[in-house]
Amino acid sequence: MSKFNKFLATAAAVLLTLSMLFSTDFHSVTAHAAEGYAYILLDSYAKTLKIGEEAFLIAITSTGKKPSFSSSDSTVASVNTYGKITAKKAGTAMITAKIKNGEASCRVTVQKTIIKLSAAKLSLENGESARLTASSSTGHPVTFKSSKSSVASVDANGVILAKKPGTATITASADKTSAACIVTVKQPVIKLSRSAVSLFRTETVRLAVSSTSKSAPKWKTNKKSVAIVDAKGTVTAVKNGRAIITVTIDGVSRTCEITVKKPVVAFAKENVTLSVGETHAAKAYVSSKNKPAYSSSNSKVAAVDQNGTIRAKAVGKAYIYAKEDGAKGRMTVLVTAD
């Protein structure tokens, strides 16, 4: 462009600007330039916007005619016929105002949305909850999502609930941008009140468990014929032998060995002589204090009931037994005619 043409362009711009300053009607302003040349003045040649933000691009033409607007990338920033720019996604686009024989452009930079989280890492016990707060640089709502809801779930308000040991990633998203928080649900620390217990048949013991987890403990026995356990950790001895009681919380287990002892059974008298028709109250000592079961080797000679009362029935000899949980004592009964 020659020096003369540059002068004309500058003069036209100045005249147009002065006319705008002293005019109350924008549409009545008319600017004249050298024939064949047209010029556009913009209020800005570079704009920085956030996603979702809007701004107007004001264009003044040397001809006084309304320019047309276009965007080099409308997916980044679009523009309407009035010059209103809408930022859509991070990136750069050129917004161009054009008239016949003249145009001008504004570089629009759409900033990437920045998401701030209250924590980048969280460590929780199973059953615990925590609130994760998030904000976006655009002020747009943030949505939350968990990579493993079975480990740690998250609701629309960012409240995280630990469900089982493991690791999950909580993602906060807005404007196709995200930030993450790594949530670790810890293995619980478990303590069992007893590691070994000795019992007699029918005796019970309550095993207490403490845990850093809020999950309910699960109890089981490896030998129900020896010892059983209920949901509260109460163990009941069934018969002599050994059983292992296991409590499990979130995959972590502790055990207690239960020994059901074989009792000692003995009669106060090992021998007794009775006449036919006579009775005798046998006294059997059982170390477990459980009631023994009585029986006779020959009930035709001497019969016995479950209370230990012996009745002599015929001349001869019989053995009376007292049995309890695999142990037994024996008494000899001699029945005579006298």
Protein backbone atom coordinates (compact mmCIF):
# COMPACT_ATOMS: atom_id res chain seq x y z
CA MET A 1 0.00 0.00 0.00
CA SER A 2 1.39 3.48 -0.98
CA LYS A 3 1.94 6.25 1.55
CA PHE A 4 -1.03 8.07 0.05
CA ASN A 5 -3.33 5.11 0.51
CA LYS A 6 -2.15 4.65 4.07
CA PHE A 7 -2.93 8.29 4.69
CA LEU A 8 -6.39 7.86 3.26
CA ALA A 9 -7.01 4.80 5.42
CA THR A 10 -5.91 6.57 8.56
CA ALA A 11 -7.96 9.65 7.73
CA ALA A 12 -11.04 7.55 7.10
CA ALA A 13 -10.65 5.80 10.44
CA VAL A 14 -10.24 9.06 12.34
CA LEU A 15 -13.23 10.66 10.61
CA LEU A 16 -15.36 7.63 11.32
CA THR A 17 -14.40 7.59 14.98
CA LEU A 18 -15.11 11.31 15.41
CA SER A 19 -18.48 10.91 13.72
CA MET A 20 -19.38 8.14 16.17
CA LEU A 21 -18.42 10.28 19.14
CA PHE A 22 -20.68 13.17 18.14
CA SER A 23 -23.59 11.19 16.74
CA THR A 24 -26.56 9.88 18.74
CA ASP A 25 -27.63 7.48 16.02
CA PHE A 26 -25.11 4.78 15.14
CA HIS A 27 -26.93 3.79 11.96
CA SER A 28 -26.85 7.39 10.60
CA VAL A 29 -23.04 7.49 10.65
CA THR A 30 -21.48 7.44 7.20
CA ALA A 31 -17.76 7.26 6.52
CA HIS A 32 -16.20 7.74 3.13
CA ALA A 33 -12.84 6.44 2.04
CA ALA A 34 -10.90 6.45 -1.14
CA GLU A 35 -12.76 4.69 -3.89
CA GLY A 36 -12.06 0.93 -3.96
CA TYR A 37 -10.92 0.76 -0.34
CA ALA A 38 -12.97 -0.15 2.75
CA TYR A 39 -11.84 -0.45 6.32
CA ILE A 40 -13.07 -2.03 9.54
CA LEU A 41 -12.14 -1.01 13.07
CA LEU A 42 -12.69 -3.55 15.88
CA ASP A 43 -13.04 -2.80 19.56
CA SER A 44 -10.61 -5.65 20.25
CA TYR A 45 -8.24 -7.78 18.23
CA ALA A 46 -7.71 -10.42 20.89
CA LYS A 47 -10.12 -11.79 23.47
CA THR A 48 -9.75 -14.44 26.14
CA LEU A 49 -12.92 -16.20 27.23
CA LYS A 50 -13.96 -19.06 29.46
CA ILE A 51 -16.09 -21.92 28.14
CA GLY A 52 -19.72 -20.82 28.04
CA GLU A 53 -18.80 -17.15 28.28
CA GLU A 54 -20.17 -14.64 25.74
CA ALA A 55 -18.78 -11.38 24.42
CA PHE A 56 -19.61 -8.91 21.66
CA LEU A 57 -17.16 -7.93 18.97
CA ILE A 58 -17.88 -4.33 17.91
CA ALA A 59 -16.93 -3.48 14.35
CA ILE A 60 -16.99 0.00 12.76
CA THR A 61 -16.82 0.10 8.98
CA SER A 62 -15.59 2.89 6.73
CA THR A 63 -18.64 2.44 4.54
CA GLY A 64 -21.11 2.54 7.40
CA LYS A 65 -22.43 -0.84 6.32
CA LYS A 66 -23.04 -3.71 8.76
CA PRO A 67 -20.31 -6.36 8.43
CA SER A 68 -20.82 -10.08 8.29
CA PHE A 69 -19.15 -12.20 10.98
CA SER A 70 -17.62 -15.65 10.73
CA SER A 71 -15.52 -18.00 12.85
CA SER A 72 -12.55 -20.03 11.69
CA ASP A 73 -13.62 -22.79 14.12
CA SER A 74 -17.17 -22.59 15.41
CA THR A 75 -16.61 -25.63 17.63
CA VAL A 76 -14.22 -23.47 19.66
CA ALA A 77 -16.00 -20.11 19.39
CA SER A 78 -19.10 -19.32 17.38
CA VAL A 79 -20.34 -15.87 16.34
CA ASN A 80 -23.77 -14.68 15.25
CA THR A 81 -24.80 -11.95 12.80
CA TYR A 82 -24.59 -9.31 15.52
CA GLY A 83 -21.03 -10.16 16.51
CA LYS A 84 -21.91 -12.04 19.69
CA ILE A 85 -19.21 -14.60 20.37
CA THR A 86 -19.92 -17.76 22.37
CA ALA A 87 -17.00 -19.76 23.77
CA LYS A 88 -17.61 -23.49 23.40
CA LYS A 89 -14.43 -25.42 24.06
CA ALA A 90 -10.77 -24.80 24.81
CA GLY A 91 -8.76 -23.63 21.83
CA THR A 92 -8.27 -20.67 19.48
CA ALA A 93 -10.50 -19.31 16.72
CA MET A 94 -10.35 -16.23 14.50
CA ILE A 95 -13.53 -14.17 14.42
CA THR A 96 -13.62 -12.13 11.18
CA ALA A 97 -15.77 -9.10 10.38
CA LYS A 98 -16.04 -8.54 6.63
CA ILE A 99 -17.47 -6.03 4.18
CA LYS A 100 -16.79 -5.61 0.51
CA ASN A 101 -13.11 -4.85 -0.03
CA GLY A 102 -12.33 -4.93 3.67
CA GLU A 103 -12.10 -7.18 6.71
CA ALA A 104 -10.59 -7.40 10.18
CA SER A 105 -10.11 -10.29 12.60
CA CYS A 106 -10.03 -10.88 16.34
CA ARG A 107 -8.17 -13.83 17.85
CA VAL A 108 -10.36 -15.52 20.46
CA THR A 109 -8.66 -17.79 22.98
CA VAL A 110 -10.99 -20.05 24.94
CA GLN A 111 -9.37 -21.13 28.17
CA LYS A 112 -9.37 -24.72 29.32
CA THR A 113 -11.61 -25.19 32.36
CA ILE A 114 -9.71 -25.80 35.56
CA ILE A 115 -11.29 -28.02 38.21
CA LYS A 116 -10.15 -27.79 41.82
CA LEU A 117 -10.73 -30.67 44.22
CA SER A 118 -10.59 -30.53 48.00
CA ALA A 119 -8.36 -33.62 47.98
CA ALA A 120 -6.26 -35.58 45.48
CA LYS A 121 -6.06 -38.65 47.75
CA LEU A 122 -8.28 -40.07 50.46
CA SER A 123 -7.82 -43.05 52.74
CA LEU A 124 -10.95 -44.48 54.37
CA GLU A 125 -11.96 -47.38 56.54
CA ASN A 126 -14.72 -49.52 55.12
CA GLY A 127 -18.08 -48.03 55.98
CA GLU A 128 -16.69 -44.52 56.39
CA SER A 129 -17.81 -41.59 54.26
CA ALA A 130 -16.15 -38.36 53.18
CA ARG A 131 -17.22 -35.26 51.27
CA LEU A 132 -15.20 -34.31 48.19
CA THR A 133 -15.79 -30.72 47.13
CA ALA A 134 -15.03 -29.47 43.62
CA SER A 135 -15.26 -26.19 41.76
CA SER A 136 -14.72 -25.23 38.12
CA SER A 137 -13.07 -22.07 36.84
CA THR A 138 -16.17 -21.41 34.73
CA GLY A 139 -18.53 -21.82 37.66
CA HIS A 140 -20.32 -24.59 35.78
CA PRO A 141 -21.69 -27.57 37.77
CA VAL A 142 -19.33 -30.45 38.43
CA THR A 143 -20.42 -34.09 38.09
CA PHE A 144 -18.86 -36.98 40.02
CA LYS A 145 -18.17 -40.56 38.98
CA SER A 146 -16.45 -43.57 40.56
CA SER A 147 -14.27 -46.00 38.62
CA LYS A 148 -15.26 -48.79 41.05
CA SER A 149 -18.55 -48.28 42.83
CA SER A 150 -18.11 -51.66 44.53
CA VAL A 151 -15.07 -50.22 46.35
CA ALA A 152 -16.14 -46.59 46.83
CA SER A 153 -19.32 -44.96 45.54
CA VAL A 154 -19.96 -41.24 45.12
CA ASP A 155 -23.22 -39.30 44.89
CA ALA A 156 -24.11 -36.09 43.05
CA ASN A 157 -22.94 -34.01 46.01
CA GLY A 158 -19.48 -35.60 46.11
CA VAL A 159 -20.18 -37.74 49.20
CA ILE A 160 -17.97 -40.83 49.00
CA LEU A 161 -18.93 -44.08 50.76
CA ALA A 162 -16.26 -46.74 51.32
CA LYS A 163 -17.67 -50.20 50.61
CA LYS A 164 -14.80 -52.69 50.57
CA PRO A 165 -10.99 -52.66 50.66
CA GLY A 166 -9.38 -51.61 47.41
CA THR A 167 -8.75 -48.52 45.30
CA ALA A 168 -11.16 -46.41 43.26
CA THR A 169 -10.77 -43.20 41.29
CA ILE A 170 -13.36 -40.50 41.85
CA THR A 171 -13.54 -38.20 38.82
CA ALA A 172 -15.00 -34.68 38.91
CA SER A 173 -15.92 -33.35 35.45
CA ALA A 174 -17.10 -30.11 33.88
CA ASP A 175 -16.82 -28.73 30.34
CA LYS A 176 -15.20 -31.99 29.17
CA THR A 177 -12.38 -31.43 31.65
CA SER A 178 -11.80 -33.56 34.72
CA ALA A 179 -9.77 -33.91 37.90
CA ALA A 180 -9.33 -37.07 39.93
CA CYS A 181 -9.11 -38.15 43.55
CA ILE A 182 -7.65 -41.57 44.41
CA VAL A 183 -9.64 -43.24 47.18
CA THR A 184 -8.06 -46.11 49.10
CA VAL A 185 -10.34 -48.22 51.28
CA LYS A 186 -8.01 -49.74 53.86
CA GLN A 187 -7.79 -53.33 55.01
CA PRO A 188 -9.20 -53.37 58.54
CA VAL A 189 -7.24 -54.01 61.72
CA ILE A 190 -8.96 -56.84 63.60
CA LYS A 191 -8.47 -58.02 67.17
CA LEU A 192 -10.11 -61.12 68.66
CA SER A 193 -10.51 -61.34 72.43
CA ARG A 194 -9.31 -64.96 72.67
CA SER A 195 -6.99 -67.13 70.59
CA ALA A 196 -7.72 -70.39 72.44
CA VAL A 197 -10.49 -71.59 74.78
CA SER A 198 -11.16 -74.88 76.60
CA LEU A 199 -14.74 -75.90 77.31
CA PHE A 200 -16.81 -78.85 78.40
CA ARG A 201 -19.81 -79.96 76.38
CA THR A 202 -22.75 -77.45 76.53
CA GLU A 203 -20.53 -74.70 77.89
CA THR A 204 -20.45 -71.40 76.03
CA VAL A 205 -18.04 -68.51 75.57
CA ARG A 206 -18.53 -65.15 73.91
CA LEU A 207 -15.70 -64.11 71.58
CA ALA A 208 -15.42 -60.34 71.22
CA VAL A 209 -14.00 -58.78 68.09
CA SER A 210 -12.88 -55.20 67.50
CA SER A 211 -12.23 -53.74 64.07
CA THR A 212 -11.39 -50.45 62.41
CA SER A 213 -14.02 -51.31 59.78
CA LYS A 214 -17.71 -50.66 60.21
CA SER A 215 -18.61 -53.88 58.40
CA ALA A 216 -20.37 -56.62 60.34
CA PRO A 217 -18.15 -59.60 61.28
CA LYS A 218 -18.87 -63.03 59.81
CA TRP A 219 -18.36 -66.07 62.03
CA LYS A 220 -17.91 -69.72 61.14
CA THR A 221 -16.66 -73.01 62.59
CA ASN A 222 -14.71 -75.68 60.77
CA LYS A 223 -16.39 -78.47 62.83
CA LYS A 224 -20.02 -78.05 63.74
CA SER A 225 -19.96 -81.48 65.42
CA VAL A 226 -17.47 -80.11 67.98
CA ALA A 227 -18.39 -76.43 68.42
CA ILE A 228 -20.86 -74.03 66.83
CA VAL A 229 -20.86 -70.24 66.75
CA ASP A 230 -23.67 -67.73 66.22
CA ALA A 231 -23.73 -64.32 64.50
CA LYS A 232 -22.72 -62.58 67.74
CA GLY A 233 -19.61 -64.71 68.30
CA THR A 234 -21.10 -66.95 71.02
CA VAL A 235 -19.47 -70.39 70.87
CA THR A 236 -21.24 -73.49 72.20
CA ALA A 237 -19.35 -76.73 72.81
CA VAL A 238 -21.09 -79.75 71.24
CA LYS A 239 -18.76 -82.67 71.97
CA ASN A 240 -15.15 -83.35 72.88
CA GLY A 241 -12.64 -82.54 70.19
CA ARG A 242 -11.12 -79.45 68.57
CA ALA A 243 -12.63 -76.83 66.29
CA ILE A 244 -11.41 -73.57 64.79
CA ILE A 245 -13.69 -70.54 65.04
CA THR A 246 -12.96 -67.92 62.36
CA VAL A 247 -14.16 -64.32 62.24
CA THR A 248 -13.80 -62.42 58.97
CA ILE A 249 -14.23 -58.71 58.24
CA ASP A 250 -13.63 -57.35 54.76
CA GLY A 251 -11.51 -60.33 53.82
CA VAL A 252 -9.30 -60.18 56.93
CA SER A 253 -9.63 -63.11 59.37
CA ARG A 254 -8.70 -64.03 62.91
CA THR A 255 -9.11 -67.45 64.56
CA CYS A 256 -9.68 -69.01 67.97
CA GLU A 257 -9.02 -72.68 68.73
CA ILE A 258 -11.78 -74.31 70.76
CA THR A 259 -10.93 -77.45 72.74
CA VAL A 260 -13.95 -79.34 74.04
CA LYS A 261 -12.50 -81.37 76.89
CA LYS A 262 -13.38 -84.97 77.62
CA PRO A 263 -14.74 -85.09 81.19
CA VAL A 264 -13.83 -87.43 84.02
CA VAL A 265 -16.68 -89.69 85.17
CA ALA A 266 -16.50 -91.72 88.38
CA PHE A 267 -18.95 -93.35 90.84
CA ALA A 268 -18.84 -92.55 94.51
CA LYS A 269 -19.03 -96.35 95.10
CA GLU A 270 -17.48 -98.76 92.63
CA ASN A 271 -19.23 -101.82 94.12
CA VAL A 272 -22.59 -102.34 95.73
CA THR A 273 -24.52 -105.45 96.92
CA LEU A 274 -28.31 -105.44 96.81
CA SER A 275 -31.07 -107.87 97.60
CA VAL A 276 -33.74 -108.62 95.03
CA GLY A 277 -36.29 -105.76 95.12
CA GLU A 278 -33.89 -103.35 96.81
CA THR A 279 -33.00 -99.95 95.30
CA HIS A 280 -29.92 -97.81 95.45
CA ALA A 281 -29.25 -94.21 94.40
CA ALA A 282 -25.99 -94.25 92.50
CA LYS A 283 -23.90 -91.09 92.69
CA ALA A 284 -21.70 -90.41 89.68
CA TYR A 285 -19.20 -87.55 89.66
CA VAL A 286 -18.78 -85.77 86.30
CA SER A 287 -16.00 -83.14 86.05
CA SER A 288 -18.00 -81.14 83.47
CA LYS A 289 -20.98 -81.06 85.88
CA ASN A 290 -23.19 -82.26 83.06
CA LYS A 291 -25.74 -84.92 83.86
CA PRO A 292 -24.52 -88.35 82.75
CA ALA A 293 -26.55 -90.96 80.90
CA TYR A 294 -27.00 -94.17 82.89
CA SER A 295 -27.25 -97.69 81.52
CA SER A 296 -27.06 -101.29 82.73
CA SER A 297 -25.13 -104.18 81.22
CA ASN A 298 -27.95 -106.50 82.29
CA SER A 299 -31.24 -104.82 83.08
CA LYS A 300 -32.80 -108.19 83.98
CA VAL A 301 -30.49 -108.36 87.00
CA ALA A 302 -30.24 -104.66 87.82
CA ALA A 303 -32.05 -101.85 86.05
CA VAL A 304 -31.21 -98.14 86.30
CA ASP A 305 -33.20 -95.07 85.40
CA GLN A 306 -31.84 -91.73 84.09
CA ASN A 307 -31.63 -90.35 87.62
CA GLY A 308 -29.21 -93.11 88.64
CA THR A 309 -31.67 -95.10 90.76
CA ILE A 310 -30.77 -98.81 90.61
CA ARG A 311 -33.39 -101.52 91.19
CA ALA A 312 -32.28 -105.08 91.92
CA LYS A 313 -34.47 -107.50 89.95
CA ALA A 314 -32.85 -110.93 89.96
CA VAL A 315 -29.90 -112.72 91.48
CA GLY A 316 -26.73 -112.09 89.54
CA LYS A 317 -24.21 -109.42 88.57
CA ALA A 318 -24.57 -106.36 86.42
CA TYR A 319 -22.52 -103.28 85.55
CA ILE A 320 -24.02 -99.82 85.79
CA TYR A 321 -22.46 -97.20 83.52
CA ALA A 322 -22.51 -93.42 83.71
CA LYS A 323 -21.56 -91.82 80.40
CA GLU A 324 -20.91 -88.21 79.38
CA ASP A 325 -19.33 -86.95 76.15
CA GLY A 326 -17.26 -90.07 75.41
CA ALA A 327 -16.20 -90.68 79.00
CA LYS A 328 -17.74 -93.26 81.32
CA GLY A 329 -17.54 -94.65 84.82
CA ARG A 330 -18.54 -98.16 85.95
CA MET A 331 -20.14 -99.58 89.07
CA THR A 332 -20.48 -103.29 89.81
CA VAL A 333 -23.82 -104.42 91.25
CA LEU A 334 -24.15 -107.81 92.91
CA VAL A 335 -27.77 -108.94 93.51
CA THR A 336 -28.40 -111.60 96.15
CA ALA A 337 -31.50 -113.51 97.25
CA ASP A 338 -31.40 -112.17 100.81
